[in-house]
């Protein structure tokens, strides 16, 4: 199994953790209750990065 799959699994776990916690981070921390737009945008960015690990695996 390519290493990118392992990275993808780790990022998905991180997404689930952030979803439960209600806080996501890119350059700064965004909380779901105070900044919902930026929170969900950050979650979308991380979800795309995680999906790219499965769509374009390295060999």
PDB file of N, CA and C in Angstrom:
ATOM      1  N   UNK A   1       0.858  -1.174   0.000  1.00  0.00           N
ATOM      2  CA  UNK A   1       0.000   0.000   0.000  1.00  0.00           C
ATOM      3  C   UNK A   1       0.906   1.241   0.000  1.00  0.00           C
ATOM      4  N   UNK A   2       0.633   2.190  -0.900  1.00  0.00           N
ATOM      5  CA  UNK A   2       1.463   3.399  -0.987  1.00  0.00           C
ATOM      6  C   UNK A   2       1.388   4.236   0.294  1.00  0.00           C
ATOM      7  N   UNK A   3       2.448   4.981   0.552  1.00  0.00           N
ATOM      8  CA  UNK A   3       2.505   5.805   1.757  1.00  0.00           C
ATOM      9  C   UNK A   3       1.447   6.900   1.729  1.00  0.00           C
ATOM     10  N   UNK A   4       1.021   7.303   0.536  1.00  0.00           N
ATOM     11  CA  UNK A   4       0.001   8.356   0.458  1.00  0.00           C
ATOM     12  C   UNK A   4      -1.335   7.881   1.026  1.00  0.00           C
ATOM     13  N   UNK A   5      -1.615   6.577   0.943  1.00  0.00           N
ATOM     14  CA  UNK A   5      -2.835   6.044   1.564  1.00  0.00           C
ATOM     15  C   UNK A   5      -2.769   6.204   3.081  1.00  0.00           C
ATOM     16  N   UNK A   6      -1.627   5.938   3.655  1.00  0.00           N
ATOM     17  CA  UNK A   6      -1.457   6.092   5.108  1.00  0.00           C
ATOM     18  C   UNK A   6      -1.649   7.555   5.505  1.00  0.00           C
ATOM     19  N   UNK A   7      -1.098   8.445   4.705  1.00  0.00           N
ATOM     20  CA  UNK A   7      -1.289   9.873   4.961  1.00  0.00           C
ATOM     21  C   UNK A   7      -2.763  10.245   4.834  1.00  0.00           C
ATOM     22  N   UNK A   8      -3.436   9.708   3.834  1.00  0.00           N
ATOM     23  CA  UNK A   8      -4.859   9.962   3.655  1.00  0.00           C
ATOM     24  C   UNK A   8      -5.681   9.478   4.835  1.00  0.00           C
ATOM     25  N   UNK A   9      -5.366   8.274   5.345  1.00  0.00           N
ATOM     26  CA  UNK A   9      -6.069   7.756   6.518  1.00  0.00           C
ATOM     27  C   UNK A   9      -5.842   8.648   7.733  1.00  0.00           C
ATOM     28  N   UNK A  10      -4.620   9.113   7.901  1.00  0.00           N
ATOM     29  CA  UNK A  10      -4.308   9.996   9.028  1.00  0.00           C
ATOM     30  C   UNK A  10      -5.077  11.316   8.909  1.00  0.00           C
ATOM     31  N   UNK A  11      -5.159  11.857   7.708  1.00  0.00           N
ATOM     32  CA  UNK A  11      -5.888  13.109   7.518  1.00  0.00           C
ATOM     33  C   UNK A  11      -7.385  12.933   7.732  1.00  0.00           C
ATOM     34  N   UNK A  12      -7.931  11.798   7.334  1.00  0.00           N
ATOM     35  CA  UNK A  12      -9.351  11.534   7.580  1.00  0.00           C
ATOM     36  C   UNK A  12      -9.617  11.430   9.083  1.00  0.00           C
ATOM     37  N   UNK A  13      -8.728  10.759   9.803  1.00  0.00           N
ATOM     38  CA  UNK A  13      -8.873  10.687  11.258  1.00  0.00           C
ATOM     39  C   UNK A  13      -8.805  12.074  11.886  1.00  0.00           C
ATOM     40  N   UNK A  14      -7.889  12.890  11.383  1.00  0.00           N
ATOM     41  CA  UNK A  14      -7.754  14.262  11.863  1.00  0.00           C
ATOM     42  C   UNK A  14      -9.046  15.044  11.589  1.00  0.00           C
ATOM     43  N   UNK A  15      -9.624  14.858  10.390  1.00  0.00           N
ATOM     44  CA  UNK A  15     -10.887  15.524  10.072  1.00  0.00           C
ATOM     45  C   UNK A  15     -11.995  15.110  11.035  1.00  0.00           C
ATOM     46  N   UNK A  16     -12.087  13.829  11.316  1.00  0.00           N
ATOM     47  CA  UNK A  16     -13.111  13.344  12.246  1.00  0.00           C
ATOM     48  C   UNK A  16     -12.895  13.918  13.642  1.00  0.00           C
ATOM     49  N   UNK A  17     -11.642  13.970  14.063  1.00  0.00           N
ATOM     50  CA  UNK A  17     -11.314  14.553  15.369  1.00  0.00           C
ATOM     51  C   UNK A  17     -11.726  16.024  15.426  1.00  0.00           C
ATOM     52  N   UNK A  18     -11.403  16.782  14.362  1.00  0.00           N
ATOM     53  CA  UNK A  18     -11.779  18.195  14.314  1.00  0.00           C
ATOM     54  C   UNK A  18     -13.290  18.370  14.250  1.00  0.00           C
ATOM     55  N   UNK A  19     -13.980  17.460  13.583  1.00  0.00           N
ATOM     56  CA  UNK A  19     -15.429  17.533  13.502  1.00  0.00           C
ATOM     57  C   UNK A  19     -16.065  17.345  14.874  1.00  0.00           C
ATOM     58  N   UNK A  20     -15.556  16.408  15.645  1.00  0.00           N
ATOM     59  CA  UNK A  20     -16.070  16.173  16.992  1.00  0.00           C
ATOM     60  C   UNK A  20     -15.706  17.334  17.919  1.00  0.00           C
ATOM     61  N   UNK A  21     -14.475  17.809  17.793  1.00  0.00           N
ATOM     62  CA  UNK A  21     -13.978  18.874  18.670  1.00  0.00           C
ATOM     63  C   UNK A  21     -14.589  20.234  18.353  1.00  0.00           C
ATOM     64  N   UNK A  22     -14.934  20.459  17.073  1.00  0.00           N
ATOM     65  CA  UNK A  22     -15.517  21.735  16.683  1.00  0.00           C
ATOM     66  C   UNK A  22     -14.510  22.832  16.452  1.00  0.00           C
ATOM     67  N   UNK A  23     -13.276  22.451  16.173  1.00  0.00           N
ATOM     68  CA  UNK A  23     -12.209  23.432  15.943  1.00  0.00           C
ATOM     69  C   UNK A  23     -11.288  22.910  14.847  1.00  0.00           C
ATOM     70  N   UNK A  24     -10.981  23.758  13.875  1.00  0.00           N
ATOM     71  CA  UNK A  24     -10.102  23.376  12.774  1.00  0.00           C
ATOM     72  C   UNK A  24      -8.996  24.420  12.647  1.00  0.00           C
ATOM     73  N   UNK A  25      -7.891  24.027  12.039  1.00  0.00           N
ATOM     74  CA  UNK A  25      -6.717  24.892  11.987  1.00  0.00           C
ATOM     75  C   UNK A  25      -6.074  24.842  10.607  1.00  0.00           C
ATOM     76  N   UNK A  26      -5.806  26.001  10.032  1.00  0.00           N
ATOM     77  CA  UNK A  26      -4.918  26.119   8.864  1.00  0.00           C
ATOM     78  C   UNK A  26      -3.805  27.075   9.275  1.00  0.00           C
ATOM     79  N   UNK A  27      -4.066  28.373   9.199  1.00  0.00           N
ATOM     80  CA  UNK A  27      -3.089  29.363   9.669  1.00  0.00           C
ATOM     81  C   UNK A  27      -3.406  29.811  11.078  1.00  0.00           C
ATOM     82  N   UNK A  28      -4.651  29.697  11.425  1.00  0.00           N
ATOM     83  CA  UNK A  28      -5.105  30.001  12.773  1.00  0.00           C
ATOM     84  C   UNK A  28      -6.263  29.076  13.088  1.00  0.00           C
ATOM     85  N   UNK A  29      -6.660  29.069  14.319  1.00  0.00           N
ATOM     86  CA  UNK A  29      -7.731  28.183  14.762  1.00  0.00           C
ATOM     87  C   UNK A  29      -9.091  28.812  14.467  1.00  0.00           C
ATOM     88  N   UNK A  30     -10.008  28.001  13.924  1.00  0.00           N
ATOM     89  CA  UNK A  30     -11.372  28.438  13.662  1.00  0.00           C
ATOM     90  C   UNK A  30     -12.325  27.536  14.429  1.00  0.00           C
ATOM     91  N   UNK A  31     -13.215  28.155  15.198  1.00  0.00           N
ATOM     92  CA  UNK A  31     -14.192  27.389  15.978  1.00  0.00           C
ATOM     93  C   UNK A  31     -15.531  27.396  15.249  1.00  0.00           C
ATOM     94  N   UNK A  32     -16.190  26.247  15.277  1.00  0.00           N
ATOM     95  CA  UNK A  32     -17.464  26.087  14.583  1.00  0.00           C
ATOM     96  C   UNK A  32     -18.534  27.014  15.149  1.00  0.00           C
ATOM     97  N   UNK A  33     -18.524  27.257  16.437  1.00  0.00           N
ATOM     98  CA  UNK A  33     -19.581  28.080  17.042  1.00  0.00           C
ATOM     99  C   UNK A  33     -19.370  29.576  16.833  1.00  0.00           C
ATOM    100  N   UNK A  34     -18.127  30.029  16.663  1.00  0.00           N
ATOM    101  CA  UNK A  34     -17.894  31.470  16.512  1.00  0.00           C
ATOM    102  C   UNK A  34     -17.637  31.890  15.063  1.00  0.00           C
ATOM    103  N   UNK A  35     -17.030  31.023  14.255  1.00  0.00           N
ATOM    104  CA  UNK A  35     -16.750  31.337  12.852  1.00  0.00           C
ATOM    105  C   UNK A  35     -17.125  30.142  11.974  1.00  0.00           C
ATOM    106  N   UNK A  36     -18.416  29.881  11.795  1.00  0.00           N
ATOM    107  CA  UNK A  36     -18.822  28.668  11.078  1.00  0.00           C
ATOM    108  C   UNK A  36     -18.395  28.642   9.609  1.00  0.00           C
ATOM    109  N   UNK A  37     -18.398  29.783   8.945  1.00  0.00           N
ATOM    110  CA  UNK A  37     -18.004  29.816   7.535  1.00  0.00           C
ATOM    111  C   UNK A  37     -16.556  29.398   7.334  1.00  0.00           C
ATOM    112  N   UNK A  38     -15.666  29.995   8.101  1.00  0.00           N
ATOM    113  CA  UNK A  38     -14.242  29.653   7.976  1.00  0.00           C
ATOM    114  C   UNK A  38     -13.959  28.243   8.480  1.00  0.00           C
ATOM    115  N   UNK A  39     -14.703  27.806   9.491  1.00  0.00           N
ATOM    116  CA  UNK A  39     -14.538  26.441   9.990  1.00  0.00           C
ATOM    117  C   UNK A  39     -14.835  25.437   8.886  1.00  0.00           C
ATOM    118  N   UNK A  40     -16.000  25.579   8.239  1.00  0.00           N
ATOM    119  CA  UNK A  40     -16.376  24.623   7.201  1.00  0.00           C
ATOM    120  C   UNK A  40     -15.501  24.759   5.971  1.00  0.00           C
ATOM    121  N   UNK A  41     -15.041  25.955   5.659  1.00  0.00           N
ATOM    122  CA  UNK A  41     -14.103  26.126   4.547  1.00  0.00           C
ATOM    123  C   UNK A  41     -12.790  25.398   4.850  1.00  0.00           C
ATOM    124  N   UNK A  42     -12.313  25.516   6.067  1.00  0.00           N
ATOM    125  CA  UNK A  42     -11.093  24.819   6.482  1.00  0.00           C
ATOM    126  C   UNK A  42     -11.282  23.313   6.420  1.00  0.00           C
ATOM    127  N   UNK A  43     -12.440  22.829   6.870  1.00  0.00           N
ATOM    128  CA  UNK A  43     -12.717  21.397   6.794  1.00  0.00           C
ATOM    129  C   UNK A  43     -12.761  20.926   5.342  1.00  0.00           C
ATOM    130  N   UNK A  44     -13.314  21.748   4.462  1.00  0.00           N
ATOM    131  CA  UNK A  44     -13.356  21.400   3.040  1.00  0.00           C
ATOM    132  C   UNK A  44     -11.955  21.300   2.455  1.00  0.00           C
ATOM    133  N   UNK A  45     -11.104  22.248   2.791  1.00  0.00           N
ATOM    134  CA  UNK A  45      -9.723  22.227   2.292  1.00  0.00           C
ATOM    135  C   UNK A  45      -9.017  20.956   2.749  1.00  0.00           C
ATOM    136  N   UNK A  46      -9.124  20.611   4.038  1.00  0.00           N
ATOM    137  CA  UNK A  46      -8.469  19.398   4.547  1.00  0.00           C
ATOM    138  C   UNK A  46      -9.075  18.142   3.936  1.00  0.00           C
ATOM    139  N   UNK A  47     -10.386  18.151   3.669  1.00  0.00           N
ATOM    140  CA  UNK A  47     -11.027  16.993   3.040  1.00  0.00           C
ATOM    141  C   UNK A  47     -10.513  16.809   1.611  1.00  0.00           C
ATOM    142  N   UNK A  48     -10.313  17.895   0.889  1.00  0.00           N
ATOM    143  CA  UNK A  48      -9.756  17.803  -0.462  1.00  0.00           C
ATOM    144  C   UNK A  48      -8.321  17.292  -0.450  1.00  0.00           C
ATOM    145  N   UNK A  49      -7.549  17.749   0.518  1.00  0.00           N
ATOM    146  CA  UNK A  49      -6.169  17.257   0.647  1.00  0.00           C
ATOM    147  C   UNK A  49      -6.175  15.768   0.962  1.00  0.00           C
ATOM    148  N   UNK A  50      -7.054  15.337   1.859  1.00  0.00           N
ATOM    149  CA  UNK A  50      -7.146  13.918   2.208  1.00  0.00           C
ATOM    150  C   UNK A  50      -7.592  13.097   0.999  1.00  0.00           C
ATOM    151  N   UNK A  51      -8.579  13.581   0.262  1.00  0.00           N
ATOM    152  CA  UNK A  51      -9.063  12.859  -0.918  1.00  0.00           C
ATOM    153  C   UNK A  51      -7.985  12.751  -1.983  1.00  0.00           C
ATOM    154  N   UNK A  52      -7.152  13.771  -2.115  1.00  0.00           N
ATOM    155  CA  UNK A  52      -6.090  13.731  -3.122  1.00  0.00           C
ATOM    156  C   UNK A  52      -5.072  12.633  -2.820  1.00  0.00           C
ATOM    157  N   UNK A  53      -4.941  12.263  -1.570  1.00  0.00           N
ATOM    158  CA  UNK A  53      -4.026  11.173  -1.207  1.00  0.00           C
ATOM    159  C   UNK A  53      -4.514   9.839  -1.761  1.00  0.00           C
ATOM    160  N   UNK A  54      -5.826   9.686  -1.913  1.00  0.00           N
ATOM    161  CA  UNK A  54      -6.389   8.454  -2.447  1.00  0.00           C
ATOM    162  C   UNK A  54      -6.565   8.503  -3.956  1.00  0.00           C
ATOM    163  N   UNK A  55      -6.798   9.688  -4.502  1.00  0.00           N
ATOM    164  CA  UNK A  55      -7.021   9.819  -5.922  1.00  0.00           C
ATOM    165  C   UNK A  55      -5.739   9.808  -6.742  1.00  0.00           C
ATOM    166  N   UNK A  56      -4.688  10.369  -6.186  1.00  0.00           N
ATOM    167  CA  UNK A  56      -3.400  10.453  -6.881  1.00  0.00           C
ATOM    168  C   UNK A  56      -2.300   9.858  -6.001  1.00  0.00           C
ATOM    169  N   UNK A  57      -2.358   8.553  -5.754  1.00  0.00           N
ATOM    170  CA  UNK A  57      -1.334   7.945  -4.894  1.00  0.00           C
ATOM    171  C   UNK A  57       0.023   7.915  -5.591  1.00  0.00           C
ATOM    172  N   UNK A  58       1.049   8.025  -4.788  1.00  0.00           N
ATOM    173  CA  UNK A  58       2.400   7.891  -5.351  1.00  0.00           C
ATOM    174  C   UNK A  58       2.747   6.420  -5.436  1.00  0.00           C
ATOM    175  N   UNK A  59       3.587   6.099  -6.362  1.00  0.00           N
ATOM    176  CA  UNK A  59       3.949   4.695  -6.567  1.00  0.00           C
ATOM    177  C   UNK A  59       5.318   4.387  -6.023  1.00  0.00           C
TER     178      UNK A  59
END
